[in-house]
């Protein structure tokens, strides 16, 4: 009989709110993932989407590969960049990393 009494005592010692505490920890982890991962990534994606849709002829851009050029033609999913002289290359819009201020290419050529 001593074995059964210790089993009942072990059940009585368990905190009654263990399920609630586990739910609070789970909710905390969800909030941490939302504010540290999902929200910033969504913000970056929206900014990059706005960058791609706002590309115009004459913009100075740098691609994800580091190529700097001037946009000469904007198509549906592609852009043409004038790299130097009469050299033009076609890139996907998603490959554009950032737009540069006007005159950046001239200042790069002078240095």
PDB file of N, CA and C in Angstrom:
ATOM      1  N   UNK A   1       0.805  -1.201   0.000  1.00  0.00           N
ATOM      2  CA  UNK A   1       0.000   0.000   0.000  1.00  0.00           C
ATOM      3  C   UNK A   1       0.849   1.265   0.000  1.00  0.00           C
ATOM      4  N   UNK A   2       2.048   1.152   0.448  1.00  0.00           N
ATOM      5  CA  UNK A   2       2.920   2.311   0.503  1.00  0.00           C
ATOM      6  C   UNK A   2       3.208   2.849  -0.907  1.00  0.00           C
ATOM      7  N   UNK A   3       3.272   1.994  -1.901  1.00  0.00           N
ATOM      8  CA  UNK A   3       3.532   2.397  -3.277  1.00  0.00           C
ATOM      9  C   UNK A   3       2.392   3.258  -3.815  1.00  0.00           C
ATOM     10  N   UNK A   4       1.158   2.902  -3.530  1.00  0.00           N
ATOM     11  CA  UNK A   4       0.012   3.661  -4.024  1.00  0.00           C
ATOM     12  C   UNK A   4      -0.082   5.019  -3.354  1.00  0.00           C
ATOM     13  N   UNK A   5       0.266   5.085  -2.092  1.00  0.00           N
ATOM     14  CA  UNK A   5       0.211   6.363  -1.395  1.00  0.00           C
ATOM     15  C   UNK A   5       1.236   7.347  -1.951  1.00  0.00           C
ATOM     16  N   UNK A   6       2.430   6.867  -2.307  1.00  0.00           N
ATOM     17  CA  UNK A   6       3.443   7.766  -2.869  1.00  0.00           C
ATOM     18  C   UNK A   6       3.035   8.226  -4.272  1.00  0.00           C
ATOM     19  N   UNK A   7       2.338   7.392  -5.025  1.00  0.00           N
ATOM     20  CA  UNK A   7       1.864   7.791  -6.356  1.00  0.00           C
ATOM     21  C   UNK A   7       0.834   8.897  -6.244  1.00  0.00           C
ATOM     22  N   UNK A   8      -0.083   8.797  -5.286  1.00  0.00           N
ATOM     23  CA  UNK A   8      -1.076   9.854  -5.077  1.00  0.00           C
ATOM     24  C   UNK A   8      -0.406  11.131  -4.588  1.00  0.00           C
ATOM     25  N   UNK A   9       0.608  10.999  -3.787  1.00  0.00           N
ATOM     26  CA  UNK A   9       1.307  12.172  -3.275  1.00  0.00           C
ATOM     27  C   UNK A   9       2.066  12.883  -4.403  1.00  0.00           C
ATOM     28  N   UNK A  10       2.607  12.149  -5.343  1.00  0.00           N
ATOM     29  CA  UNK A  10       3.315  12.760  -6.461  1.00  0.00           C
ATOM     30  C   UNK A  10       2.362  13.555  -7.335  1.00  0.00           C
ATOM     31  N   UNK A  11       1.157  13.050  -7.540  1.00  0.00           N
ATOM     32  CA  UNK A  11       0.173  13.786  -8.325  1.00  0.00           C
ATOM     33  C   UNK A  11      -0.263  15.049  -7.609  1.00  0.00           C
ATOM     34  N   UNK A  12      -0.376  15.005  -6.315  1.00  0.00           N
ATOM     35  CA  UNK A  12      -0.822  16.159  -5.553  1.00  0.00           C
ATOM     36  C   UNK A  12       0.243  17.250  -5.529  1.00  0.00           C
ATOM     37  N   UNK A  13       1.526  16.884  -5.684  1.00  0.00           N
ATOM     38  CA  UNK A  13       2.597  17.868  -5.624  1.00  0.00           C
ATOM     39  C   UNK A  13       2.728  18.661  -6.922  1.00  0.00           C
ATOM     40  N   UNK A  14       2.186  18.201  -8.039  1.00  0.00           N
ATOM     41  CA  UNK A  14       2.292  18.901  -9.312  1.00  0.00           C
ATOM     42  C   UNK A  14       1.502  20.202  -9.246  1.00  0.00           C
ATOM     43  N   UNK A  15       2.069  21.295  -9.771  1.00  0.00           N
ATOM     44  CA  UNK A  15       1.338  22.566  -9.730  1.00  0.00           C
ATOM     45  C   UNK A  15       0.114  22.502 -10.634  1.00  0.00           C
ATOM     46  N   UNK A  16      -0.986  23.050 -10.194  1.00  0.00           N
ATOM     47  CA  UNK A  16      -2.223  22.963 -10.966  1.00  0.00           C
ATOM     48  C   UNK A  16      -2.203  23.843 -12.226  1.00  0.00           C
ATOM     49  N   UNK A  17      -1.322  24.854 -12.300  1.00  0.00           N
ATOM     50  CA  UNK A  17      -1.312  25.766 -13.434  1.00  0.00           C
ATOM     51  C   UNK A  17      -0.189  25.470 -14.424  1.00  0.00           C
ATOM     52  N   UNK A  18       0.293  24.243 -14.471  1.00  0.00           N
ATOM     53  CA  UNK A  18       1.403  23.903 -15.363  1.00  0.00           C
ATOM     54  C   UNK A  18       1.014  24.113 -16.829  1.00  0.00           C
ATOM     55  N   UNK A  19      -0.207  23.814 -17.192  1.00  0.00           N
ATOM     56  CA  UNK A  19      -0.657  24.012 -18.572  1.00  0.00           C
ATOM     57  C   UNK A  19      -0.699  25.487 -18.929  1.00  0.00           C
ATOM     58  N   UNK A  20      -1.113  26.327 -18.002  1.00  0.00           N
ATOM     59  CA  UNK A  20      -1.173  27.766 -18.245  1.00  0.00           C
ATOM     60  C   UNK A  20       0.227  28.348 -18.405  1.00  0.00           C
ATOM     61  N   UNK A  21       1.149  27.889 -17.595  1.00  0.00           N
ATOM     62  CA  UNK A  21       2.528  28.368 -17.693  1.00  0.00           C
ATOM     63  C   UNK A  21       3.127  27.967 -19.043  1.00  0.00           C
ATOM     64  N   UNK A  22       2.862  26.751 -19.487  1.00  0.00           N
ATOM     65  CA  UNK A  22       3.360  26.308 -20.796  1.00  0.00           C
ATOM     66  C   UNK A  22       2.777  27.144 -21.923  1.00  0.00           C
ATOM     67  N   UNK A  23       1.502  27.496 -21.833  1.00  0.00           N
ATOM     68  CA  UNK A  23       0.884  28.345 -22.850  1.00  0.00           C
ATOM     69  C   UNK A  23       1.503  29.739 -22.857  1.00  0.00           C
ATOM     70  N   UNK A  24       1.816  30.258 -21.672  1.00  0.00           N
ATOM     71  CA  UNK A  24       2.451  31.581 -21.610  1.00  0.00           C
ATOM     72  C   UNK A  24       3.842  31.550 -22.241  1.00  0.00           C
ATOM     73  N   UNK A  25       4.625  30.497 -21.986  1.00  0.00           N
ATOM     74  CA  UNK A  25       5.932  30.363 -22.617  1.00  0.00           C
ATOM     75  C   UNK A  25       5.794  30.254 -24.131  1.00  0.00           C
ATOM     76  N   UNK A  26       4.844  29.477 -24.605  1.00  0.00           N
ATOM     77  CA  UNK A  26       4.621  29.332 -26.039  1.00  0.00           C
ATOM     78  C   UNK A  26       4.236  30.674 -26.664  1.00  0.00           C
ATOM     79  N   UNK A  27       3.343  31.399 -26.007  1.00  0.00           N
ATOM     80  CA  UNK A  27       2.953  32.721 -26.497  1.00  0.00           C
ATOM     81  C   UNK A  27       4.131  33.686 -26.512  1.00  0.00           C
ATOM     82  N   UNK A  28       4.978  33.605 -25.501  1.00  0.00           N
ATOM     83  CA  UNK A  28       6.170  34.456 -25.468  1.00  0.00           C
ATOM     84  C   UNK A  28       7.114  34.158 -26.615  1.00  0.00           C
ATOM     85  N   UNK A  29       7.305  32.879 -26.923  1.00  0.00           N
ATOM     86  CA  UNK A  29       8.164  32.513 -28.049  1.00  0.00           C
ATOM     87  C   UNK A  29       7.590  32.997 -29.368  1.00  0.00           C
ATOM     88  N   UNK A  30       6.294  32.906 -29.527  1.00  0.00           N
ATOM     89  CA  UNK A  30       5.657  33.390 -30.761  1.00  0.00           C
ATOM     90  C   UNK A  30       5.881  34.890 -30.904  1.00  0.00           C
ATOM     91  N   UNK A  31       5.720  35.648 -29.824  1.00  0.00           N
ATOM     92  CA  UNK A  31       5.955  37.094 -29.882  1.00  0.00           C
ATOM     93  C   UNK A  31       7.412  37.420 -30.192  1.00  0.00           C
ATOM     94  N   UNK A  32       8.332  36.684 -29.598  1.00  0.00           N
ATOM     95  CA  UNK A  32       9.750  36.920 -29.866  1.00  0.00           C
ATOM     96  C   UNK A  32      10.058  36.665 -31.342  1.00  0.00           C
ATOM     97  N   UNK A  33       9.571  35.564 -31.894  1.00  0.00           N
ATOM     98  CA  UNK A  33       9.810  35.272 -33.307  1.00  0.00           C
ATOM     99  C   UNK A  33       9.168  36.327 -34.203  1.00  0.00           C
ATOM    100  N   UNK A  34       7.986  36.810 -33.825  1.00  0.00           N
ATOM    101  CA  UNK A  34       7.315  37.816 -34.639  1.00  0.00           C
ATOM    102  C   UNK A  34       8.134  39.099 -34.687  1.00  0.00           C
ATOM    103  N   UNK A  35       8.553  39.599 -33.531  1.00  0.00           N
ATOM    104  CA  UNK A  35       9.239  40.885 -33.494  1.00  0.00           C
ATOM    105  C   UNK A  35      10.701  40.808 -33.932  1.00  0.00           C
ATOM    106  N   UNK A  36      11.349  39.658 -33.816  1.00  0.00           N
ATOM    107  CA  UNK A  36      12.751  39.562 -34.195  1.00  0.00           C
ATOM    108  C   UNK A  36      12.977  38.994 -35.595  1.00  0.00           C
ATOM    109  N   UNK A  37      12.028  38.236 -36.133  1.00  0.00           N
ATOM    110  CA  UNK A  37      12.233  37.601 -37.437  1.00  0.00           C
ATOM    111  C   UNK A  37      11.217  38.029 -38.484  1.00  0.00           C
ATOM    112  N   UNK A  38       9.968  37.753 -38.251  1.00  0.00           N
ATOM    113  CA  UNK A  38       8.959  37.942 -39.294  1.00  0.00           C
ATOM    114  C   UNK A  38       8.749  39.405 -39.641  1.00  0.00           C
ATOM    115  N   UNK A  39       8.593  40.255 -38.660  1.00  0.00           N
ATOM    116  CA  UNK A  39       8.289  41.662 -38.905  1.00  0.00           C
ATOM    117  C   UNK A  39       9.426  42.372 -39.641  1.00  0.00           C
ATOM    118  N   UNK A  40      10.694  42.270 -39.201  1.00  0.00           N
ATOM    119  CA  UNK A  40      11.768  42.940 -39.948  1.00  0.00           C
ATOM    120  C   UNK A  40      11.932  42.403 -41.370  1.00  0.00           C
ATOM    121  N   UNK A  41      11.772  41.091 -41.552  1.00  0.00           N
ATOM    122  CA  UNK A  41      11.907  40.518 -42.893  1.00  0.00           C
ATOM    123  C   UNK A  41      10.800  41.018 -43.800  1.00  0.00           C
ATOM    124  N   UNK A  42       9.599  41.131 -43.287  1.00  0.00           N
ATOM    125  CA  UNK A  42       8.481  41.646 -44.074  1.00  0.00           C
ATOM    126  C   UNK A  42       8.725  43.102 -44.455  1.00  0.00           C
ATOM    127  N   UNK A  43       9.279  43.870 -43.536  1.00  0.00           N
ATOM    128  CA  UNK A  43       9.572  45.275 -43.816  1.00  0.00           C
ATOM    129  C   UNK A  43      10.623  45.397 -44.918  1.00  0.00           C
ATOM    130  N   UNK A  44      11.697  44.585 -44.847  1.00  0.00           N
ATOM    131  CA  UNK A  44      12.734  44.603 -45.876  1.00  0.00           C
ATOM    132  C   UNK A  44      12.177  44.195 -47.233  1.00  0.00           C
ATOM    133  N   UNK A  45      11.286  43.193 -47.234  1.00  0.00           N
ATOM    134  CA  UNK A  45      10.702  42.736 -48.492  1.00  0.00           C
ATOM    135  C   UNK A  45       9.859  43.831 -49.123  1.00  0.00           C
ATOM    136  N   UNK A  46       9.080  44.554 -48.320  1.00  0.00           N
ATOM    137  CA  UNK A  46       8.256  45.645 -48.845  1.00  0.00           C
ATOM    138  C   UNK A  46       9.116  46.785 -49.382  1.00  0.00           C
ATOM    139  N   UNK A  47      10.210  47.110 -48.689  1.00  0.00           N
ATOM    140  CA  UNK A  47      11.102  48.163 -49.160  1.00  0.00           C
ATOM    141  C   UNK A  47      11.753  47.774 -50.482  1.00  0.00           C
ATOM    142  N   UNK A  48      12.176  46.517 -50.620  1.00  0.00           N
ATOM    143  CA  UNK A  48      12.799  46.072 -51.863  1.00  0.00           C
ATOM    144  C   UNK A  48      11.778  46.050 -52.998  1.00  0.00           C
ATOM    145  N   UNK A  49      10.558  45.671 -52.696  1.00  0.00           N
ATOM    146  CA  UNK A  49       9.497  45.679 -53.711  1.00  0.00           C
ATOM    147  C   UNK A  49       9.236  47.106 -54.189  1.00  0.00           C
ATOM    148  N   UNK A  50       9.223  48.068 -53.264  1.00  0.00           N
ATOM    149  CA  UNK A  50       9.037  49.469 -53.654  1.00  0.00           C
ATOM    150  C   UNK A  50      10.212  49.958 -54.483  1.00  0.00           C
ATOM    151  N   UNK A  51      11.414  49.523 -54.155  1.00  0.00           N
ATOM    152  CA  UNK A  51      12.601  49.889 -54.933  1.00  0.00           C
ATOM    153  C   UNK A  51      12.487  49.368 -56.358  1.00  0.00           C
ATOM    154  N   UNK A  52      12.067  48.112 -56.511  1.00  0.00           N
ATOM    155  CA  UNK A  52      11.967  47.516 -57.848  1.00  0.00           C
ATOM    156  C   UNK A  52      10.883  48.182 -58.685  1.00  0.00           C
ATOM    157  N   UNK A  53       9.758  48.512 -58.085  1.00  0.00           N
ATOM    158  CA  UNK A  53       8.684  49.138 -58.859  1.00  0.00           C
ATOM    159  C   UNK A  53       8.984  50.599 -59.174  1.00  0.00           C
ATOM    160  N   UNK A  54       9.856  51.242 -58.390  1.00  0.00           N
ATOM    161  CA  UNK A  54      10.164  52.649 -58.601  1.00  0.00           C
ATOM    162  C   UNK A  54      11.342  52.904 -59.523  1.00  0.00           C
ATOM    163  N   UNK A  55      11.918  51.875 -60.107  1.00  0.00           N
ATOM    164  CA  UNK A  55      13.061  52.073 -61.003  1.00  0.00           C
ATOM    165  C   UNK A  55      12.638  52.819 -62.261  1.00  0.00           C
ATOM    166  N   UNK A  56      13.452  53.810 -62.652  1.00  0.00           N
ATOM    167  CA  UNK A  56      13.165  54.607 -63.840  1.00  0.00           C
ATOM    168  C   UNK A  56      14.436  54.761 -64.661  1.00  0.00           C
ATOM    169  N   UNK A  57      14.248  55.145 -65.900  1.00  0.00           N
ATOM    170  CA  UNK A  57      15.374  55.388 -66.780  1.00  0.00           C
ATOM    171  C   UNK A  57      16.193  56.544 -66.213  1.00  0.00           C
ATOM    172  N   UNK A  58      17.513  56.342 -66.163  1.00  0.00           N
ATOM    173  CA  UNK A  58      18.400  57.381 -65.650  1.00  0.00           C
ATOM    174  C   UNK A  58      18.811  57.185 -64.201  1.00  0.00           C
ATOM    175  N   UNK A  59      18.183  56.245 -63.494  1.00  0.00           N
ATOM    176  CA  UNK A  59      18.569  55.960 -62.108  1.00  0.00           C
ATOM    177  C   UNK A  59      19.933  55.280 -62.081  1.00  0.00           C
ATOM    178  N   UNK A  60      20.729  55.636 -61.103  1.00  0.00           N
ATOM    179  CA  UNK A  60      22.013  54.978 -60.891  1.00  0.00           C
ATOM    180  C   UNK A  60      21.804  53.922 -59.815  1.00  0.00           C
ATOM    181  N   UNK A  61      22.181  52.680 -60.141  1.00  0.00           N
ATOM    182  CA  UNK A  61      21.913  51.565 -59.223  1.00  0.00           C
ATOM    183  C   UNK A  61      23.152  50.703 -59.060  1.00  0.00           C
ATOM    184  N   UNK A  62      23.132  49.910 -58.003  1.00  0.00           N
ATOM    185  CA  UNK A  62      24.142  48.882 -57.788  1.00  0.00           C
ATOM    186  C   UNK A  62      23.391  47.566 -57.627  1.00  0.00           C
ATOM    187  N   UNK A  63      23.896  46.524 -58.300  1.00  0.00           N
ATOM    188  CA  UNK A  63      23.233  45.220 -58.236  1.00  0.00           C
ATOM    189  C   UNK A  63      23.734  44.441 -57.031  1.00  0.00           C
ATOM    190  N   UNK A  64      23.106  43.310 -56.796  1.00  0.00           N
ATOM    191  CA  UNK A  64      23.513  42.447 -55.684  1.00  0.00           C
ATOM    192  C   UNK A  64      24.923  41.914 -55.907  1.00  0.00           C
ATOM    193  N   UNK A  65      25.367  41.833 -57.140  1.00  0.00           N
ATOM    194  CA  UNK A  65      26.711  41.367 -57.454  1.00  0.00           C
ATOM    195  C   UNK A  65      27.764  42.462 -57.407  1.00  0.00           C
ATOM    196  N   UNK A  66      27.340  43.703 -57.179  1.00  0.00           N
ATOM    197  CA  UNK A  66      28.282  44.808 -57.070  1.00  0.00           C
ATOM    198  C   UNK A  66      28.485  45.588 -58.345  1.00  0.00           C
ATOM    199  N   UNK A  67      27.703  45.325 -59.378  1.00  0.00           N
ATOM    200  CA  UNK A  67      27.832  46.041 -60.646  1.00  0.00           C
ATOM    201  C   UNK A  67      27.106  47.377 -60.526  1.00  0.00           C
ATOM    202  N   UNK A  68      27.808  48.466 -60.868  1.00  0.00           N
ATOM    203  CA  UNK A  68      27.239  49.808 -60.806  1.00  0.00           C
ATOM    204  C   UNK A  68      26.946  50.274 -62.213  1.00  0.00           C
ATOM    205  N   UNK A  69      25.760  50.852 -62.418  1.00  0.00           N
ATOM    206  CA  UNK A  69      25.408  51.328 -63.744  1.00  0.00           C
ATOM    207  C   UNK A  69      24.204  52.238 -63.727  1.00  0.00           C
ATOM    208  N   UNK A  70      23.898  52.763 -64.921  1.00  0.00           N
ATOM    209  CA  UNK A  70      22.758  53.654 -65.114  1.00  0.00           C
ATOM    210  C   UNK A  70      21.669  52.881 -65.844  1.00  0.00           C
ATOM    211  N   UNK A  71      20.438  52.986 -65.374  1.00  0.00           N
ATOM    212  CA  UNK A  71      19.312  52.301 -66.004  1.00  0.00           C
ATOM    213  C   UNK A  71      19.005  52.987 -67.333  1.00  0.00           C
ATOM    214  N   UNK A  72      19.030  52.212 -68.426  1.00  0.00           N
ATOM    215  CA  UNK A  72      18.711  52.763 -69.740  1.00  0.00           C
ATOM    216  C   UNK A  72      17.344  52.317 -70.232  1.00  0.00           C
ATOM    217  N   UNK A  73      16.849  51.198 -69.723  1.00  0.00           N
ATOM    218  CA  UNK A  73      15.537  50.703 -70.157  1.00  0.00           C
ATOM    219  C   UNK A  73      14.944  49.859 -69.042  1.00  0.00           C
ATOM    220  N   UNK A  74      13.659  50.076 -68.780  1.00  0.00           N
ATOM    221  CA  UNK A  74      12.944  49.301 -67.766  1.00  0.00           C
ATOM    222  C   UNK A  74      11.901  48.459 -68.474  1.00  0.00           C
ATOM    223  N   UNK A  75      11.993  47.147 -68.295  1.00  0.00           N
ATOM    224  CA  UNK A  75      11.025  46.213 -68.874  1.00  0.00           C
ATOM    225  C   UNK A  75      10.221  45.594 -67.744  1.00  0.00           C
ATOM    226  N   UNK A  76       9.411  44.583 -68.051  1.00  0.00           N
ATOM    227  CA  UNK A  76       8.553  43.967 -67.037  1.00  0.00           C
ATOM    228  C   UNK A  76       9.354  43.408 -65.868  1.00  0.00           C
ATOM    229  N   UNK A  77      10.193  42.445 -66.119  1.00  0.00           N
ATOM    230  CA  UNK A  77      10.953  41.828 -65.039  1.00  0.00           C
ATOM    231  C   UNK A  77      12.439  42.112 -65.111  1.00  0.00           C
ATOM    232  N   UNK A  78      12.852  42.893 -66.116  1.00  0.00           N
ATOM    233  CA  UNK A  78      14.270  43.134 -66.344  1.00  0.00           C
ATOM    234  C   UNK A  78      14.540  44.622 -66.519  1.00  0.00           C
ATOM    235  N   UNK A  79      15.806  44.981 -66.334  1.00  0.00           N
ATOM    236  CA  UNK A  79      16.269  46.333 -66.634  1.00  0.00           C
ATOM    237  C   UNK A  79      17.554  46.212 -67.444  1.00  0.00           C
ATOM    238  N   UNK A  80      17.845  47.246 -68.229  1.00  0.00           N
ATOM    239  CA  UNK A  80      19.120  47.314 -68.935  1.00  0.00           C
ATOM    240  C   UNK A  80      19.956  48.374 -68.236  1.00  0.00           C
ATOM    241  N   UNK A  81      21.190  47.999 -67.921  1.00  0.00           N
ATOM    242  CA  UNK A  81      22.120  48.919 -67.275  1.00  0.00           C
ATOM    243  C   UNK A  81      23.250  49.253 -68.223  1.00  0.00           C
ATOM    244  N   UNK A  82      23.580  50.533 -68.302  1.00  0.00           N
ATOM    245  CA  UNK A  82      24.764  50.949 -69.036  1.00  0.00           C
ATOM    246  C   UNK A  82      25.906  50.921 -68.039  1.00  0.00           C
ATOM    247  N   UNK A  83      26.840  49.996 -68.280  1.00  0.00           N
ATOM    248  CA  UNK A  83      27.939  49.767 -67.351  1.00  0.00           C
ATOM    249  C   UNK A  83      29.063  50.771 -67.585  1.00  0.00           C
ATOM    250  N   UNK A  84      29.395  51.003 -68.804  1.00  0.00           N
ATOM    251  CA  UNK A  84      30.447  51.963 -69.141  1.00  0.00           C
ATOM    252  C   UNK A  84      30.554  52.075 -70.646  1.00  0.00           C
ATOM    253  N   UNK A  85      30.741  53.281 -71.145  1.00  0.00           N
ATOM    254  CA  UNK A  85      30.828  53.474 -72.597  1.00  0.00           C
ATOM    255  C   UNK A  85      29.534  53.042 -73.259  1.00  0.00           C
ATOM    256  N   UNK A  86      29.638  52.125 -74.211  1.00  0.00           N
ATOM    257  CA  UNK A  86      28.454  51.607 -74.903  1.00  0.00           C
ATOM    258  C   UNK A  86      28.095  50.200 -74.435  1.00  0.00           C
ATOM    259  N   UNK A  87      28.575  49.785 -73.302  1.00  0.00           N
ATOM    260  CA  UNK A  87      28.326  48.439 -72.790  1.00  0.00           C
ATOM    261  C   UNK A  87      27.030  48.439 -71.981  1.00  0.00           C
ATOM    262  N   UNK A  88      26.082  47.631 -72.424  1.00  0.00           N
ATOM    263  CA  UNK A  88      24.814  47.486 -71.712  1.00  0.00           C
ATOM    264  C   UNK A  88      24.621  46.030 -71.338  1.00  0.00           C
ATOM    265  N   UNK A  89      24.088  45.823 -70.163  1.00  0.00           N
ATOM    266  CA  UNK A  89      23.794  44.470 -69.689  1.00  0.00           C
ATOM    267  C   UNK A  89      22.357  44.439 -69.184  1.00  0.00           C
ATOM    268  N   UNK A  90      21.752  43.269 -69.290  1.00  0.00           N
ATOM    269  CA  UNK A  90      20.379  43.088 -68.826  1.00  0.00           C
ATOM    270  C   UNK A  90      20.413  42.340 -67.495  1.00  0.00           C
ATOM    271  N   UNK A  91      19.668  42.854 -66.513  1.00  0.00           N
ATOM    272  CA  UNK A  91      19.583  42.251 -65.188  1.00  0.00           C
ATOM    273  C   UNK A  91      18.121  42.086 -64.798  1.00  0.00           C
ATOM    274  N   UNK A  92      17.861  41.135 -63.934  1.00  0.00           N
ATOM    275  CA  UNK A  92      16.530  41.032 -63.345  1.00  0.00           C
ATOM    276  C   UNK A  92      16.351  42.183 -62.365  1.00  0.00           C
ATOM    277  N   UNK A  93      15.125  42.664 -62.251  1.00  0.00           N
ATOM    278  CA  UNK A  93      14.860  43.752 -61.315  1.00  0.00           C
ATOM    279  C   UNK A  93      15.187  43.349 -59.878  1.00  0.00           C
ATOM    280  N   UNK A  94      14.973  42.079 -59.573  1.00  0.00           N
ATOM    281  CA  UNK A  94      15.230  41.634 -58.201  1.00  0.00           C
ATOM    282  C   UNK A  94      16.714  41.640 -57.859  1.00  0.00           C
ATOM    283  N   UNK A  95      17.599  41.738 -58.874  1.00  0.00           N
ATOM    284  CA  UNK A  95      19.033  41.771 -58.625  1.00  0.00           C
ATOM    285  C   UNK A  95      19.518  43.154 -58.205  1.00  0.00           C
ATOM    286  N   UNK A  96      18.668  44.166 -58.305  1.00  0.00           N
ATOM    287  CA  UNK A  96      19.057  45.516 -57.906  1.00  0.00           C
ATOM    288  C   UNK A  96      19.099  45.575 -56.386  1.00  0.00           C
ATOM    289  N   UNK A  97      20.260  45.966 -55.856  1.00  0.00           N
ATOM    290  CA  UNK A  97      20.426  46.035 -54.412  1.00  0.00           C
ATOM    291  C   UNK A  97      20.038  47.387 -53.841  1.00  0.00           C
ATOM    292  N   UNK A  98      20.382  48.463 -54.546  1.00  0.00           N
ATOM    293  CA  UNK A  98      20.089  49.804 -54.033  1.00  0.00           C
ATOM    294  C   UNK A  98      20.207  50.811 -55.170  1.00  0.00           C
ATOM    295  N   UNK A  99      19.540  51.925 -55.006  1.00  0.00           N
ATOM    296  CA  UNK A  99      19.729  53.048 -55.915  1.00  0.00           C
ATOM    297  C   UNK A  99      20.765  53.966 -55.294  1.00  0.00           C
ATOM    298  N   UNK A 100      21.503  54.633 -56.148  1.00  0.00           N
ATOM    299  CA  UNK A 100      22.564  55.529 -55.702  1.00  0.00           C
ATOM    300  C   UNK A 100      22.158  56.970 -55.979  1.00  0.00           C
ATOM    301  N   UNK A 101      22.682  57.912 -55.220  1.00  0.00           N
ATOM    302  CA  UNK A 101      22.406  59.326 -55.513  1.00  0.00           C
ATOM    303  C   UNK A 101      22.968  59.718 -56.872  1.00  0.00           C
ATOM    304  N   UNK A 102      22.335  60.673 -57.513  1.00  0.00           N
ATOM    305  CA  UNK A 102      22.796  61.135 -58.827  1.00  0.00           C
ATOM    306  C   UNK A 102      24.233  61.652 -58.714  1.00  0.00           C
ATOM    307  N   UNK A 103      25.058  61.305 -59.684  1.00  0.00           N
ATOM    308  CA  UNK A 103      26.440  61.751 -59.716  1.00  0.00           C
ATOM    309  C   UNK A 103      27.415  60.808 -59.045  1.00  0.00           C
ATOM    310  N   UNK A 104      26.941  59.719 -58.502  1.00  0.00           N
ATOM    311  CA  UNK A 104      27.823  58.762 -57.826  1.00  0.00           C
ATOM    312  C   UNK A 104      28.773  58.109 -58.815  1.00  0.00           C
ATOM    313  N   UNK A 105      28.278  57.767 -59.993  1.00  0.00           N
ATOM    314  CA  UNK A 105      29.135  57.093 -60.982  1.00  0.00           C
ATOM    315  C   UNK A 105      30.228  58.029 -61.459  1.00  0.00           C
ATOM    316  N   UNK A 106      29.904  59.305 -61.647  1.00  0.00           N
ATOM    317  CA  UNK A 106      30.935  60.264 -62.054  1.00  0.00           C
ATOM    318  C   UNK A 106      32.009  60.397 -60.992  1.00  0.00           C
ATOM    319  N   UNK A 107      31.602  60.419 -59.745  1.00  0.00           N
ATOM    320  CA  UNK A 107      32.593  60.548 -58.669  1.00  0.00           C
ATOM    321  C   UNK A 107      33.440  59.284 -58.570  1.00  0.00           C
ATOM    322  N   UNK A 108      32.885  58.117 -58.905  1.00  0.00           N
ATOM    323  CA  UNK A 108      33.664  56.878 -58.898  1.00  0.00           C
ATOM    324  C   UNK A 108      34.674  56.870 -60.041  1.00  0.00           C
ATOM    325  N   UNK A 109      34.283  57.411 -61.204  1.00  0.00           N
ATOM    326  CA  UNK A 109      35.181  57.438 -62.356  1.00  0.00           C
ATOM    327  C   UNK A 109      36.329  58.405 -62.160  1.00  0.00           C
ATOM    328  N   UNK A 110      36.095  59.498 -61.423  1.00  0.00           N
ATOM    329  CA  UNK A 110      37.131  60.500 -61.198  1.00  0.00           C
ATOM    330  C   UNK A 110      38.197  60.000 -60.232  1.00  0.00           C
ATOM    331  N   UNK A 111      37.825  59.148 -59.321  1.00  0.00           N
ATOM    332  CA  UNK A 111      38.815  58.711 -58.307  1.00  0.00           C
ATOM    333  C   UNK A 111      39.649  57.555 -58.761  1.00  0.00           C
TER     334      UNK A 111
END
